[in-house]
Amino acid sequence: MKLILAMLLMFSGYTFASCSSISDSDQRNYCQATQEGSTCSSIRDSDLRASCEAEKGSTCSSIHDSDQRAYCEAKKGSTCSSIHDSDLRAMCEAEKGSTCSSIHDSDQRAFCEAKKGSTCSSIHDSDLRNQCEAMKR
């Protein structure tokens, strides 16, 4: 009986995950801003805060990391070709219609596939899985 109850609690945790379940405070605040409508101001990491603000309508120019800036600009209409990091470029291309299969990192590939309709259950990193579940709500 205890095993069945433990399994039910485990599955219900995945089903009802929200941004508040993310342990990293910057990632939690980013999730809350982009998925739940709060502001980006409580994000301490300047590039993540700038990415958050860009998703809410600002420009990408405040993002210092060139790959993250290029990814942001690609989300707003430019190409993914100037992204040097191969996984980030593959994620970008997948968001523009390509498959997720070129992403080497298994959690990022599973996250990409979840964005395209599959479940979040195969994501091992709990913060990324919780972010995925929040995105699907």
N, C-alpha and C. Protein backbone atom coordinates (compact mmCIF):
# COMPACT_ATOMS: atom_id res chain seq x y z
N MET A 1 0.82 -1.19 0.00
CA MET A 1 0.00 0.00 0.00
C MET A 1 0.87 1.26 0.00
N LYS A 2 1.94 1.27 0.83
CA LYS A 2 2.83 2.42 0.87
C LYS A 2 3.50 2.66 -0.47
N LEU A 3 3.86 1.58 -1.17
CA LEU A 3 4.50 1.69 -2.48
C LEU A 3 3.55 2.34 -3.49
N ILE A 4 2.29 1.95 -3.47
CA ILE A 4 1.30 2.52 -4.39
C ILE A 4 1.11 4.00 -4.09
N LEU A 5 1.02 4.36 -2.83
CA LEU A 5 0.87 5.76 -2.44
C LEU A 5 2.10 6.57 -2.86
N ALA A 6 3.28 6.02 -2.66
CA ALA A 6 4.51 6.71 -3.06
C ALA A 6 4.55 6.93 -4.56
N MET A 7 4.13 5.93 -5.33
CA MET A 7 4.12 6.07 -6.78
C MET A 7 3.11 7.12 -7.23
N LEU A 8 1.94 7.14 -6.61
CA LEU A 8 0.93 8.14 -6.95
C LEU A 8 1.43 9.55 -6.64
N LEU A 9 2.08 9.72 -5.50
CA LEU A 9 2.63 11.03 -5.15
C LEU A 9 3.72 11.45 -6.12
N MET A 10 4.55 10.50 -6.53
CA MET A 10 5.63 10.80 -7.47
C MET A 10 5.05 11.27 -8.80
N PHE A 11 4.08 10.55 -9.33
CA PHE A 11 3.49 10.92 -10.62
C PHE A 11 2.71 12.22 -10.51
N SER A 12 2.04 12.45 -9.40
CA SER A 12 1.28 13.69 -9.27
C SER A 12 2.22 14.88 -9.20
N GLY A 13 3.44 14.70 -8.67
CA GLY A 13 4.41 15.78 -8.64
C GLY A 13 4.82 16.21 -10.03
N TYR A 14 4.94 15.24 -10.94
CA TYR A 14 5.28 15.58 -12.32
C TYR A 14 4.10 16.23 -13.03
N THR A 15 2.91 15.76 -12.74
CA THR A 15 1.74 16.25 -13.43
C THR A 15 1.42 17.69 -13.06
N PHE A 16 1.61 18.06 -11.81
CA PHE A 16 1.22 19.38 -11.36
C PHE A 16 2.42 20.30 -11.13
N ALA A 17 3.54 19.98 -11.74
CA ALA A 17 4.73 20.80 -11.57
C ALA A 17 4.48 22.19 -12.11
N SER A 18 5.05 23.15 -11.44
CA SER A 18 4.95 24.53 -11.90
C SER A 18 6.32 25.15 -11.76
N CYS A 19 6.41 26.40 -12.12
CA CYS A 19 7.69 27.09 -12.01
C CYS A 19 8.20 27.10 -10.58
N SER A 20 7.32 27.11 -9.62
CA SER A 20 7.75 27.17 -8.22
C SER A 20 8.50 25.91 -7.79
N SER A 21 8.43 24.84 -8.60
CA SER A 21 9.13 23.60 -8.29
C SER A 21 10.59 23.64 -8.72
N ILE A 22 11.01 24.67 -9.45
CA ILE A 22 12.38 24.77 -9.95
C ILE A 22 13.27 25.28 -8.83
N SER A 23 14.33 24.54 -8.50
CA SER A 23 15.17 24.90 -7.36
C SER A 23 16.11 26.08 -7.64
N ASP A 24 16.62 26.22 -8.86
CA ASP A 24 17.50 27.33 -9.20
C ASP A 24 16.67 28.61 -9.27
N SER A 25 17.00 29.59 -8.43
CA SER A 25 16.14 30.78 -8.32
C SER A 25 16.07 31.59 -9.61
N ASP A 26 17.17 31.74 -10.33
CA ASP A 26 17.11 32.48 -11.59
C ASP A 26 16.26 31.75 -12.62
N GLN A 27 16.41 30.43 -12.72
CA GLN A 27 15.59 29.67 -13.66
C GLN A 27 14.12 29.70 -13.25
N ARG A 28 13.86 29.65 -11.94
CA ARG A 28 12.49 29.72 -11.44
C ARG A 28 11.87 31.08 -11.79
N ASN A 29 12.63 32.15 -11.56
CA ASN A 29 12.13 33.49 -11.85
C ASN A 29 11.93 33.69 -13.35
N TYR A 30 12.83 33.13 -14.17
CA TYR A 30 12.68 33.19 -15.62
C TYR A 30 11.40 32.47 -16.05
N CYS A 31 11.20 31.28 -15.52
CA CYS A 31 10.01 30.50 -15.83
C CYS A 31 8.75 31.26 -15.42
N GLN A 32 8.76 31.82 -14.22
CA GLN A 32 7.59 32.55 -13.75
C GLN A 32 7.31 33.77 -14.63
N ALA A 33 8.36 34.41 -15.11
CA ALA A 33 8.18 35.58 -15.95
C ALA A 33 7.66 35.21 -17.34
N THR A 34 8.21 34.14 -17.91
CA THR A 34 7.83 33.78 -19.28
C THR A 34 6.60 32.89 -19.35
N GLN A 35 6.33 32.11 -18.32
CA GLN A 35 5.19 31.19 -18.35
C GLN A 35 4.00 31.68 -17.54
N GLU A 36 4.26 32.47 -16.50
CA GLU A 36 3.19 32.84 -15.59
C GLU A 36 2.93 34.35 -15.56
N GLY A 37 3.72 35.12 -16.30
CA GLY A 37 3.44 36.54 -16.46
C GLY A 37 4.06 37.49 -15.45
N SER A 38 4.94 37.03 -14.57
CA SER A 38 5.57 37.96 -13.64
C SER A 38 6.67 38.75 -14.36
N THR A 39 7.34 39.63 -13.66
CA THR A 39 8.38 40.45 -14.29
C THR A 39 9.72 39.71 -14.29
N CYS A 40 10.65 40.23 -15.07
CA CYS A 40 11.99 39.65 -15.19
C CYS A 40 12.95 40.26 -14.17
N SER A 41 12.53 41.26 -13.44
CA SER A 41 13.43 42.05 -12.60
C SER A 41 14.11 41.27 -11.48
N SER A 42 13.54 40.16 -11.04
CA SER A 42 14.15 39.42 -9.94
C SER A 42 15.20 38.41 -10.40
N ILE A 43 15.49 38.36 -11.70
CA ILE A 43 16.52 37.46 -12.23
C ILE A 43 17.86 38.14 -12.06
N ARG A 44 18.77 37.52 -11.31
CA ARG A 44 20.07 38.13 -11.02
C ARG A 44 21.04 38.05 -12.21
N ASP A 45 21.04 36.92 -12.94
CA ASP A 45 21.95 36.77 -14.07
C ASP A 45 21.54 37.76 -15.17
N SER A 46 22.46 38.64 -15.54
CA SER A 46 22.11 39.72 -16.46
C SER A 46 21.72 39.22 -17.85
N ASP A 47 22.39 38.19 -18.36
CA ASP A 47 22.02 37.66 -19.68
C ASP A 47 20.66 36.98 -19.65
N LEU A 48 20.38 36.23 -18.60
CA LEU A 48 19.10 35.57 -18.49
C LEU A 48 17.98 36.60 -18.33
N ARG A 49 18.25 37.65 -17.55
CA ARG A 49 17.27 38.73 -17.38
C ARG A 49 17.02 39.43 -18.73
N ALA A 50 18.10 39.69 -19.49
CA ALA A 50 17.95 40.33 -20.80
C ALA A 50 17.20 39.42 -21.77
N SER A 51 17.45 38.11 -21.70
CA SER A 51 16.71 37.16 -22.54
C SER A 51 15.23 37.16 -22.19
N CYS A 52 14.96 37.21 -20.91
CA CYS A 52 13.58 37.26 -20.42
C CYS A 52 12.89 38.53 -20.94
N GLU A 53 13.56 39.65 -20.80
CA GLU A 53 12.99 40.92 -21.26
C GLU A 53 12.79 40.91 -22.77
N ALA A 54 13.70 40.27 -23.50
CA ALA A 54 13.55 40.17 -24.96
C ALA A 54 12.34 39.32 -25.32
N GLU A 55 12.10 38.26 -24.56
CA GLU A 55 10.92 37.42 -24.82
C GLU A 55 9.64 38.19 -24.57
N LYS A 56 9.71 39.18 -23.71
CA LYS A 56 8.53 39.98 -23.39
C LYS A 56 8.42 41.22 -24.28
N GLY A 57 9.30 41.33 -25.30
CA GLY A 57 9.16 42.41 -26.26
C GLY A 57 10.34 43.33 -26.43
N SER A 58 11.31 43.28 -25.55
CA SER A 58 12.50 44.12 -25.66
C SER A 58 13.42 43.59 -26.76
N THR A 59 14.50 44.29 -27.02
CA THR A 59 15.47 43.81 -28.02
C THR A 59 16.44 42.83 -27.38
N CYS A 60 17.21 42.17 -28.22
CA CYS A 60 18.19 41.19 -27.77
C CYS A 60 19.55 41.83 -27.51
N SER A 61 19.70 43.08 -27.79
CA SER A 61 21.01 43.73 -27.77
C SER A 61 21.67 43.77 -26.40
N SER A 62 20.92 43.63 -25.33
CA SER A 62 21.50 43.66 -23.99
C SER A 62 22.12 42.34 -23.56
N ILE A 63 21.96 41.30 -24.35
CA ILE A 63 22.51 39.99 -24.02
C ILE A 63 23.97 39.98 -24.42
N HIS A 64 24.86 39.77 -23.45
CA HIS A 64 26.30 39.82 -23.68
C HIS A 64 26.82 38.59 -24.41
N ASP A 65 26.34 37.40 -24.05
CA ASP A 65 26.80 36.15 -24.67
C ASP A 65 26.36 36.14 -26.14
N SER A 66 27.32 36.04 -27.05
CA SER A 66 27.00 36.15 -28.48
C SER A 66 26.09 35.04 -28.98
N ASP A 67 26.26 33.81 -28.49
CA ASP A 67 25.38 32.72 -28.91
C ASP A 67 23.96 32.93 -28.41
N GLN A 68 23.83 33.35 -27.15
CA GLN A 68 22.49 33.60 -26.60
C GLN A 68 21.82 34.78 -27.32
N ARG A 69 22.61 35.79 -27.65
CA ARG A 69 22.07 36.94 -28.39
C ARG A 69 21.61 36.51 -29.78
N ALA A 70 22.43 35.69 -30.47
CA ALA A 70 22.06 35.20 -31.80
C ALA A 70 20.82 34.30 -31.73
N TYR A 71 20.71 33.50 -30.67
CA TYR A 71 19.53 32.65 -30.47
C TYR A 71 18.30 33.51 -30.27
N CYS A 72 18.44 34.53 -29.46
CA CYS A 72 17.34 35.47 -29.21
C CYS A 72 16.91 36.14 -30.52
N GLU A 73 17.88 36.59 -31.30
CA GLU A 73 17.57 37.25 -32.57
C GLU A 73 16.92 36.27 -33.55
N ALA A 74 17.33 35.01 -33.51
CA ALA A 74 16.72 34.00 -34.37
C ALA A 74 15.26 33.78 -33.99
N LYS A 75 14.96 33.82 -32.70
CA LYS A 75 13.57 33.69 -32.25
C LYS A 75 12.72 34.84 -32.77
N LYS A 76 13.36 35.97 -33.05
CA LYS A 76 12.64 37.15 -33.54
C LYS A 76 12.67 37.25 -35.07
N GLY A 77 13.23 36.22 -35.74
CA GLY A 77 13.14 36.20 -37.19
C GLY A 77 14.43 35.99 -37.97
N SER A 78 15.59 36.20 -37.38
CA SER A 78 16.82 35.97 -38.15
C SER A 78 17.16 34.48 -38.19
N THR A 79 18.24 34.12 -38.84
CA THR A 79 18.61 32.71 -38.97
C THR A 79 19.40 32.24 -37.76
N CYS A 80 19.57 30.94 -37.67
CA CYS A 80 20.31 30.31 -36.58
C CYS A 80 21.79 30.14 -36.91
N SER A 81 22.19 30.49 -38.12
CA SER A 81 23.53 30.17 -38.62
C SER A 81 24.66 30.83 -37.85
N SER A 82 24.43 31.94 -37.17
CA SER A 82 25.52 32.60 -36.45
C SER A 82 25.71 32.07 -35.03
N ILE A 83 24.96 31.05 -34.64
CA ILE A 83 25.12 30.43 -33.32
C ILE A 83 26.24 29.40 -33.42
N HIS A 84 27.29 29.58 -32.63
CA HIS A 84 28.45 28.69 -32.68
C HIS A 84 28.22 27.37 -31.95
N ASP A 85 27.55 27.39 -30.80
CA ASP A 85 27.29 26.19 -30.02
C ASP A 85 26.36 25.26 -30.81
N SER A 86 26.83 24.05 -31.10
CA SER A 86 26.07 23.15 -31.99
C SER A 86 24.72 22.73 -31.41
N ASP A 87 24.64 22.48 -30.08
CA ASP A 87 23.35 22.11 -29.49
C ASP A 87 22.37 23.27 -29.52
N LEU A 88 22.84 24.47 -29.22
CA LEU A 88 21.96 25.63 -29.23
C LEU A 88 21.50 25.92 -30.66
N ARG A 89 22.40 25.77 -31.62
CA ARG A 89 22.03 25.98 -33.03
C ARG A 89 20.99 24.93 -33.45
N ALA A 90 21.19 23.67 -33.03
CA ALA A 90 20.23 22.60 -33.36
C ALA A 90 18.88 22.87 -32.71
N MET A 91 18.88 23.38 -31.47
CA MET A 91 17.63 23.74 -30.79
C MET A 91 16.92 24.85 -31.56
N CYS A 92 17.69 25.84 -31.97
CA CYS A 92 17.15 26.96 -32.73
C CYS A 92 16.53 26.46 -34.04
N GLU A 93 17.25 25.61 -34.74
CA GLU A 93 16.74 25.08 -36.01
C GLU A 93 15.50 24.23 -35.80
N ALA A 94 15.46 23.49 -34.69
CA ALA A 94 14.27 22.68 -34.38
C ALA A 94 13.07 23.58 -34.11
N GLU A 95 13.29 24.71 -33.46
CA GLU A 95 12.20 25.63 -33.19
C GLU A 95 11.68 26.28 -34.47
N LYS A 96 12.50 26.25 -35.50
CA LYS A 96 12.10 26.82 -36.79
C LYS A 96 11.58 25.74 -37.75
N GLY A 97 11.40 24.52 -37.25
CA GLY A 97 10.78 23.48 -38.06
C GLY A 97 11.59 22.22 -38.28
N SER A 98 12.87 22.22 -37.97
CA SER A 98 13.70 21.03 -38.13
C SER A 98 13.40 20.04 -37.00
N THR A 99 14.01 18.88 -37.03
CA THR A 99 13.82 17.90 -35.96
C THR A 99 14.77 18.19 -34.80
N CYS A 100 14.51 17.54 -33.70
CA CYS A 100 15.34 17.69 -32.49
C CYS A 100 16.51 16.71 -32.47
N SER A 101 16.58 15.83 -33.43
CA SER A 101 17.54 14.73 -33.39
C SER A 101 19.00 15.17 -33.42
N SER A 102 19.30 16.37 -33.87
CA SER A 102 20.69 16.84 -33.93
C SER A 102 21.21 17.34 -32.58
N ILE A 103 20.34 17.45 -31.59
CA ILE A 103 20.75 17.93 -30.27
C ILE A 103 21.42 16.79 -29.53
N HIS A 104 22.68 16.96 -29.16
CA HIS A 104 23.44 15.89 -28.51
C HIS A 104 23.04 15.68 -27.05
N ASP A 105 22.79 16.75 -26.31
CA ASP A 105 22.42 16.65 -24.90
C ASP A 105 21.03 16.01 -24.79
N SER A 106 20.95 14.87 -24.12
CA SER A 106 19.69 14.11 -24.09
C SER A 106 18.55 14.86 -23.42
N ASP A 107 18.84 15.60 -22.35
CA ASP A 107 17.78 16.37 -21.68
C ASP A 107 17.29 17.51 -22.58
N GLN A 108 18.21 18.20 -23.23
CA GLN A 108 17.80 19.29 -24.12
C GLN A 108 17.03 18.73 -25.33
N ARG A 109 17.43 17.56 -25.81
CA ARG A 109 16.70 16.93 -26.92
C ARG A 109 15.29 16.55 -26.47
N ALA A 110 15.16 15.99 -25.27
CA ALA A 110 13.85 15.63 -24.75
C ALA A 110 12.99 16.87 -24.52
N PHE A 111 13.62 17.97 -24.06
CA PHE A 111 12.89 19.23 -23.87
C PHE A 111 12.39 19.75 -25.22
N CYS A 112 13.24 19.69 -26.21
CA CYS A 112 12.88 20.10 -27.56
C CYS A 112 11.70 19.27 -28.07
N GLU A 113 11.77 17.96 -27.88
CA GLU A 113 10.70 17.08 -28.32
C GLU A 113 9.40 17.36 -27.57
N ALA A 114 9.53 17.72 -26.30
CA ALA A 114 8.33 18.07 -25.52
C ALA A 114 7.69 19.34 -26.06
N LYS A 115 8.51 20.28 -26.51
CA LYS A 115 7.96 21.50 -27.13
C LYS A 115 7.17 21.18 -28.39
N LYS A 116 7.51 20.06 -29.01
CA LYS A 116 6.84 19.66 -30.25
C LYS A 116 5.69 18.69 -29.98
N GLY A 117 5.40 18.40 -28.72
CA GLY A 117 4.23 17.60 -28.40
C GLY A 117 4.43 16.37 -27.54
N SER A 118 5.65 15.89 -27.39
CA SER A 118 5.84 14.70 -26.54
C SER A 118 5.80 15.10 -25.06
N THR A 119 5.93 14.12 -24.20
CA THR A 119 5.86 14.39 -22.76
C THR A 119 7.21 14.86 -22.22
N CYS A 120 7.19 15.36 -21.01
CA CYS A 120 8.40 15.82 -20.33
C CYS A 120 9.04 14.72 -19.50
N SER A 121 8.43 13.57 -19.44
CA SER A 121 8.84 12.52 -18.51
C SER A 121 10.24 11.97 -18.75
N SER A 122 10.78 12.10 -19.96
CA SER A 122 12.12 11.55 -20.21
C SER A 122 13.24 12.54 -19.90
N ILE A 123 12.91 13.70 -19.38
CA ILE A 123 13.93 14.68 -19.00
C ILE A 123 14.42 14.32 -17.60
N HIS A 124 15.71 14.06 -17.47
CA HIS A 124 16.27 13.64 -16.18
C HIS A 124 16.48 14.80 -15.22
N ASP A 125 16.94 15.94 -15.71
CA ASP A 125 17.19 17.09 -14.86
C ASP A 125 15.86 17.61 -14.31
N SER A 126 15.71 17.60 -12.99
CA SER A 126 14.41 17.93 -12.39
C SER A 126 14.00 19.38 -12.66
N ASP A 127 14.94 20.32 -12.65
CA ASP A 127 14.58 21.72 -12.93
C ASP A 127 14.07 21.88 -14.36
N LEU A 128 14.74 21.25 -15.31
CA LEU A 128 14.32 21.34 -16.71
C LEU A 128 12.98 20.63 -16.91
N ARG A 129 12.79 19.50 -16.23
CA ARG A 129 11.52 18.78 -16.32
C ARG A 129 10.39 19.63 -15.75
N ASN A 130 10.66 20.30 -14.61
CA ASN A 130 9.63 21.16 -14.02
C ASN A 130 9.32 22.35 -14.92
N GLN A 131 10.35 22.91 -15.55
CA GLN A 131 10.14 24.00 -16.49
C GLN A 131 9.29 23.51 -17.68
N CYS A 132 9.59 22.32 -18.15
CA CYS A 132 8.84 21.72 -19.25
C CYS A 132 7.38 21.53 -18.86
N GLU A 133 7.15 20.99 -17.68
CA GLU A 133 5.77 20.78 -17.21
C GLU A 133 5.03 22.11 -17.08
N ALA A 134 5.72 23.14 -16.58
CA ALA A 134 5.10 24.46 -16.46
C ALA A 134 4.74 25.01 -17.85
N MET A 135 5.60 24.77 -18.82
CA MET A 135 5.37 25.22 -20.18
C MET A 135 4.13 24.55 -20.78
N LYS A 136 3.89 23.31 -20.43
CA LYS A 136 2.78 22.56 -21.01
C LYS A 136 1.45 22.85 -20.32
N ARG A 137 1.45 23.54 -19.18
CA ARG A 137 0.20 23.84 -18.47
C ARG A 137 -0.55 24.95 -19.13
